[in-house]
Amino acid sequence: MNNPVFIAGPCVIEGMDVLETVAKELVRLNEKYDIDIIFKASFDKANRTSIKSFRGPGLQRGLQMLADIKTKFGLKLLTDIHETCQAEPVGEVVDVIQVPAFLCRQTDLIVAAAHTGKIVNIKKAQFLSGEDMQYPVQKVLDSGNSNVWLTERGNMLGYNNLVVDFRNIPLMKQWASTVIMDCTHAVQRPGAGTGCSSGNREYVPMIAKAAKAFGANGFFFETHPYPDNAKSDGPNMLQLNNLEQVIQSLL
């Protein structure tokens, strides 16, 4: 049996110190467990709750920082795009282009990502079912790119809360051979903080194991050496020194 896909990294690029700390740990885990964790970080968080929230270094500087991580540590890269004009320059640096959940119905964005020839990871929106995701997948396929992944990240349950319907995982495997569980955004409490989102990181290991039982063959973890001090998504991010235990439980 092949090892699952693992994606891990800080929510947003805060600085090279955090990026390198996380990258060193991913390299260690790759070597210890003979896996190939994809490094994830965002150059811009364009959908923060508040206009005052930290967004990241932006496209040009952010891509240079990611490229430096790739050169220094040899890790594969994933980052997300929010506008069609970002697809081409991002595709020149990363291995996987991610379409954010809120934008997974944006046809032009998906087509632009597909035209790069890179793997396109589409996150399922909080307002869609697993079955609905056949249509974003078809947009990638019809654009001439067969490299498409889908990611489950929970559905809205009333206000400021998410629930995971794990049946979406086998449903989405009808449309994509790789279906990833976003184990950290699934425990997010959207907008439940003071001008930001909250979350319950203590449930991340259980979410991961449940997703595995339902057939997920990829796992996404936002992680940070000091998540309580992180500039984005701290409450739902996994502490870096706990990442190994969770990955080990999934292998």
Protein backbone atom coordinates (compact mmCIF):
# COMPACT_ATOMS: atom_id res chain seq x y z
CA MET A 1 0.00 0.00 0.00
CA ASN A 2 1.34 3.43 -0.93
CA ASN A 3 1.87 6.01 1.77
CA PRO A 4 -0.80 8.71 1.91
CA VAL A 5 -0.19 12.24 0.70
CA PHE A 6 0.85 14.55 3.54
CA ILE A 7 0.66 18.34 3.34
CA ALA A 8 1.94 20.45 6.23
CA GLY A 9 3.15 23.93 7.01
CA PRO A 10 2.19 27.25 8.58
CA CYS A 11 -1.04 28.93 7.56
CA VAL A 12 0.65 32.07 6.25
CA ILE A 13 4.23 33.09 5.55
CA GLU A 14 5.25 35.07 8.64
CA GLY A 15 9.01 35.07 8.05
CA MET A 16 11.90 32.83 7.06
CA ASP A 17 12.53 31.76 10.65
CA VAL A 18 9.16 30.00 10.97
CA LEU A 19 9.37 28.59 7.43
CA GLU A 20 12.80 27.10 8.05
CA THR A 21 11.87 25.69 11.47
CA VAL A 22 8.91 23.85 9.96
CA ALA A 23 10.85 22.78 6.86
CA LYS A 24 13.63 21.20 8.96
CA GLU A 25 11.08 19.12 10.84
CA LEU A 26 9.37 18.01 7.63
CA VAL A 27 12.71 16.91 6.19
CA ARG A 28 13.41 14.93 9.36
CA LEU A 29 10.02 13.21 9.21
CA ASN A 30 10.42 12.48 5.50
CA GLU A 31 13.72 10.73 6.14
CA LYS A 32 12.56 8.88 9.26
CA TYR A 33 9.32 7.51 7.81
CA ASP A 34 10.23 7.34 4.10
CA ILE A 35 7.42 9.71 3.15
CA ASP A 36 7.25 12.90 1.07
CA ILE A 37 5.49 15.69 2.96
CA ILE A 38 4.51 18.65 0.79
CA PHE A 39 5.34 22.01 2.37
CA LYS A 40 2.40 24.43 2.54
CA ALA A 41 2.31 28.15 3.28
CA SER A 42 0.25 31.03 1.89
CA PHE A 43 1.79 34.20 0.47
CA ASP A 44 -1.52 36.03 0.96
CA LYS A 45 -4.57 35.28 3.08
CA ALA A 46 -7.13 37.18 1.07
CA ASN A 47 -10.20 36.05 3.06
CA ARG A 48 -9.29 37.05 6.62
CA THR A 49 -12.14 38.00 8.94
CA SER A 50 -10.92 41.55 9.55
CA ILE A 51 -9.24 44.05 7.24
CA LYS A 52 -6.72 44.57 10.07
CA SER A 53 -5.64 40.91 10.06
CA PHE A 54 -2.16 39.93 8.88
CA ARG A 55 -2.24 38.69 5.28
CA GLY A 56 1.33 37.75 4.43
CA PRO A 57 4.20 39.16 2.34
CA GLY A 58 2.34 39.17 -0.97
CA LEU A 59 2.89 37.37 -4.25
CA GLN A 60 6.40 38.41 -5.32
CA ARG A 61 8.15 38.25 -1.95
CA GLY A 62 6.14 35.21 -0.85
CA LEU A 63 7.03 33.17 -3.92
CA GLN A 64 10.71 34.04 -3.49
CA MET A 65 10.60 32.81 0.10
CA LEU A 66 8.89 29.58 -0.95
CA ALA A 67 11.43 29.09 -3.73
CA ASP A 68 14.22 29.53 -1.18
CA ILE A 69 12.69 26.81 1.00
CA LYS A 70 12.48 24.49 -2.00
CA THR A 71 16.10 25.13 -2.94
CA LYS A 72 17.47 24.78 0.59
CA PHE A 73 15.41 21.81 1.80
CA GLY A 74 14.31 20.01 -1.37
CA LEU A 75 10.67 19.95 -0.35
CA LYS A 76 7.74 19.96 -2.72
CA LEU A 77 5.54 23.05 -2.35
CA LEU A 78 1.83 23.88 -2.19
CA THR A 79 0.24 27.31 -1.99
CA ASP A 80 -3.15 28.79 -2.79
CA ILE A 81 -4.24 31.39 -5.31
CA HIS A 82 -7.13 33.83 -5.17
CA GLU A 83 -6.93 35.54 -8.56
CA THR A 84 -6.41 34.22 -12.09
CA CYS A 85 -3.33 36.42 -12.61
CA GLN A 86 -1.56 34.57 -9.79
CA ALA A 87 -1.76 31.13 -11.41
CA GLU A 88 1.10 31.45 -13.90
CA PRO A 89 3.78 32.85 -11.56
CA VAL A 90 2.73 30.47 -8.78
CA GLY A 91 2.89 27.53 -11.18
CA GLU A 92 6.52 28.37 -11.93
CA VAL A 93 7.47 27.78 -8.27
CA VAL A 94 5.14 25.26 -6.63
CA ASP A 95 4.21 21.65 -7.31
CA VAL A 96 0.55 21.89 -6.22
CA ILE A 97 -1.76 24.87 -6.70
CA GLN A 98 -4.61 25.03 -4.24
CA VAL A 99 -8.03 26.55 -4.92
CA PRO A 100 -9.52 27.83 -1.64
CA ALA A 101 -12.84 26.45 -0.45
CA PHE A 102 -14.77 29.69 -0.84
CA LEU A 103 -13.54 29.94 -4.45
CA CYS A 104 -14.04 26.36 -5.61
CA ARG A 105 -16.89 27.37 -7.95
CA GLN A 106 -14.88 30.15 -9.61
CA THR A 107 -14.52 28.76 -13.12
CA ASP A 108 -11.86 31.17 -14.37
CA LEU A 109 -9.69 30.57 -11.31
CA ILE A 110 -9.87 26.79 -11.69
CA VAL A 111 -9.17 26.96 -15.42
CA ALA A 112 -6.16 29.22 -14.84
CA ALA A 113 -4.78 26.81 -12.25
CA ALA A 114 -5.37 23.86 -14.57
CA HIS A 115 -3.55 25.54 -17.47
CA THR A 116 -0.31 25.61 -15.44
CA GLY A 117 -0.12 21.81 -15.76
CA LYS A 118 0.48 21.52 -12.01
CA ILE A 119 -1.56 19.37 -9.64
CA VAL A 120 -4.69 21.33 -8.74
CA ASN A 121 -5.99 20.74 -5.21
CA ILE A 122 -9.56 21.99 -4.88
CA LYS A 123 -10.90 22.41 -1.37
CA LYS A 124 -14.58 21.62 -0.99
CA ALA A 125 -16.61 24.65 0.03
CA GLN A 126 -18.27 24.73 3.42
CA PHE A 127 -21.60 25.05 1.61
CA LEU A 128 -21.23 22.14 -0.87
CA SER A 129 -21.64 18.38 -0.71
CA GLY A 130 -19.03 15.88 -1.78
CA GLU A 131 -21.14 15.03 -4.81
CA ASP A 132 -21.15 18.69 -5.90
CA MET A 133 -17.38 18.51 -6.34
CA GLN A 134 -17.64 16.53 -9.56
CA TYR A 135 -18.21 19.82 -11.38
CA PRO A 136 -15.02 21.63 -10.28
CA VAL A 137 -13.11 18.45 -11.15
CA GLN A 138 -14.65 18.43 -14.61
CA LYS A 139 -13.51 22.05 -15.13
CA VAL A 140 -9.91 20.95 -14.55
CA LEU A 141 -10.25 17.91 -16.81
CA ASP A 142 -11.90 19.91 -19.59
CA SER A 143 -8.98 22.36 -19.37
CA GLY A 144 -6.59 19.58 -20.35
CA ASN A 145 -5.21 18.74 -16.90
CA SER A 146 -5.87 15.32 -15.33
CA ASN A 147 -3.92 16.08 -12.13
CA VAL A 148 -6.66 17.05 -9.70
CA TRP A 149 -7.10 16.41 -5.98
CA LEU A 150 -10.06 17.17 -3.73
CA THR A 151 -9.95 18.21 -0.08
CA GLU A 152 -12.64 17.88 2.58
CA ARG A 153 -12.67 20.62 5.24
CA GLY A 154 -16.10 20.42 6.85
CA ASN A 155 -19.47 22.09 6.36
CA MET A 156 -21.10 25.01 8.15
CA LEU A 157 -23.26 24.00 11.11
CA GLY A 158 -25.20 27.11 12.04
CA TYR A 159 -23.03 30.12 12.86
CA ASN A 160 -19.29 29.96 13.69
CA ASN A 161 -19.10 26.18 13.62
CA LEU A 162 -18.18 23.35 11.27
CA VAL A 163 -19.06 19.68 11.18
CA VAL A 164 -17.40 16.99 9.04
CA ASP A 165 -19.63 14.59 7.13
CA PHE A 166 -17.06 11.87 6.50
CA ARG A 167 -19.31 10.32 3.84
CA ASN A 168 -18.04 13.08 1.56
CA ILE A 169 -14.66 11.33 1.37
CA PRO A 170 -15.83 8.17 -0.46
CA LEU A 171 -18.24 10.30 -2.48
CA MET A 172 -15.41 12.51 -3.74
CA LYS A 173 -13.24 9.50 -4.55
CA GLN A 174 -15.65 8.92 -7.43
CA TRP A 175 -14.27 12.09 -9.02
CA ALA A 176 -10.65 12.22 -7.84
CA SER A 177 -8.23 9.44 -6.97
CA THR A 178 -6.64 11.56 -4.22
CA VAL A 179 -9.00 12.86 -1.54
CA ILE A 180 -7.39 14.78 1.29
CA MET A 181 -8.72 15.52 4.76
CA ASP A 182 -7.89 19.03 5.92
CA CYS A 183 -7.61 18.01 9.55
CA THR A 184 -6.89 21.48 10.93
CA HIS A 185 -9.39 23.66 9.07
CA ALA A 186 -12.03 21.07 9.93
CA VAL A 187 -11.72 22.08 13.61
CA GLN A 188 -11.87 25.80 12.84
CA ARG A 189 -14.59 27.99 14.36
CA PRO A 190 -15.06 30.53 11.53
CA GLY A 191 -15.32 34.09 12.78
CA ALA A 192 -15.74 32.90 16.38
CA GLY A 193 -12.80 34.92 17.71
CA THR A 194 -12.58 38.67 18.15
CA GLY A 195 -12.23 39.77 14.55
CA CYS A 196 -10.72 36.38 13.65
CA SER A 197 -11.52 32.68 13.59
CA SER A 198 -11.16 30.36 16.55
CA GLY A 199 -10.73 26.59 16.66
CA ASN A 200 -10.22 23.37 18.63
CA ARG A 201 -6.83 21.88 17.75
CA GLU A 202 -7.23 19.10 20.33
CA TYR A 203 -9.58 17.31 17.92
CA VAL A 204 -7.13 17.20 15.00
CA PRO A 205 -5.79 13.66 15.69
CA MET A 206 -9.32 12.23 15.91
CA ILE A 207 -10.43 13.96 12.72
CA ALA A 208 -7.42 12.45 10.94
CA LYS A 209 -8.10 8.90 12.14
CA ALA A 210 -11.79 9.11 11.28
CA ALA A 211 -10.94 10.36 7.79
CA LYS A 212 -8.56 7.45 7.30
CA ALA A 213 -11.35 5.04 8.27
CA PHE A 214 -13.52 6.59 5.55
CA GLY A 215 -10.83 6.14 2.91
CA ALA A 216 -8.95 9.45 2.83
CA ASN A 217 -5.57 8.97 1.16
CA GLY A 218 -4.19 12.40 1.97
CA PHE A 219 -3.95 14.53 5.11
CA PHE A 220 -3.48 18.29 5.43
CA PHE A 221 -2.09 19.83 8.63
CA GLU A 222 -1.40 23.47 9.22
CA THR A 223 1.36 23.48 11.80
CA HIS A 224 3.45 26.04 13.64
CA PRO A 225 6.19 25.88 16.30
CA TYR A 226 4.17 28.29 18.48
CA PRO A 227 0.56 28.23 17.25
CA ASP A 228 -0.72 30.42 20.08
CA ASN A 229 1.49 33.19 18.70
CA ALA A 230 0.72 32.52 15.02
CA LYS A 231 -0.55 35.40 12.91
CA SER A 232 -3.32 33.35 11.27
CA ASP A 233 -5.38 30.29 12.26
CA GLY A 234 -3.42 29.67 15.47
CA PRO A 235 -6.30 28.06 17.45
CA ASN A 236 -6.80 25.28 14.90
CA MET A 237 -3.14 24.73 13.93
CA LEU A 238 -1.28 21.66 15.17
CA GLN A 239 1.77 22.35 17.31
CA LEU A 240 4.85 21.36 15.32
CA ASN A 241 6.23 18.99 17.95
CA ASN A 242 2.94 17.03 17.87
CA LEU A 243 3.00 16.50 14.10
CA GLU A 244 5.13 13.34 14.21
CA GLN A 245 2.77 11.49 16.54
CA VAL A 246 -0.23 12.23 14.32
CA ILE A 247 1.58 11.20 11.12
CA GLN A 248 2.89 8.03 12.76
CA SER A 249 -0.68 7.06 13.73
CA LEU A 250 -1.76 7.31 10.07
CA LEU A 251 1.05 5.20 8.55
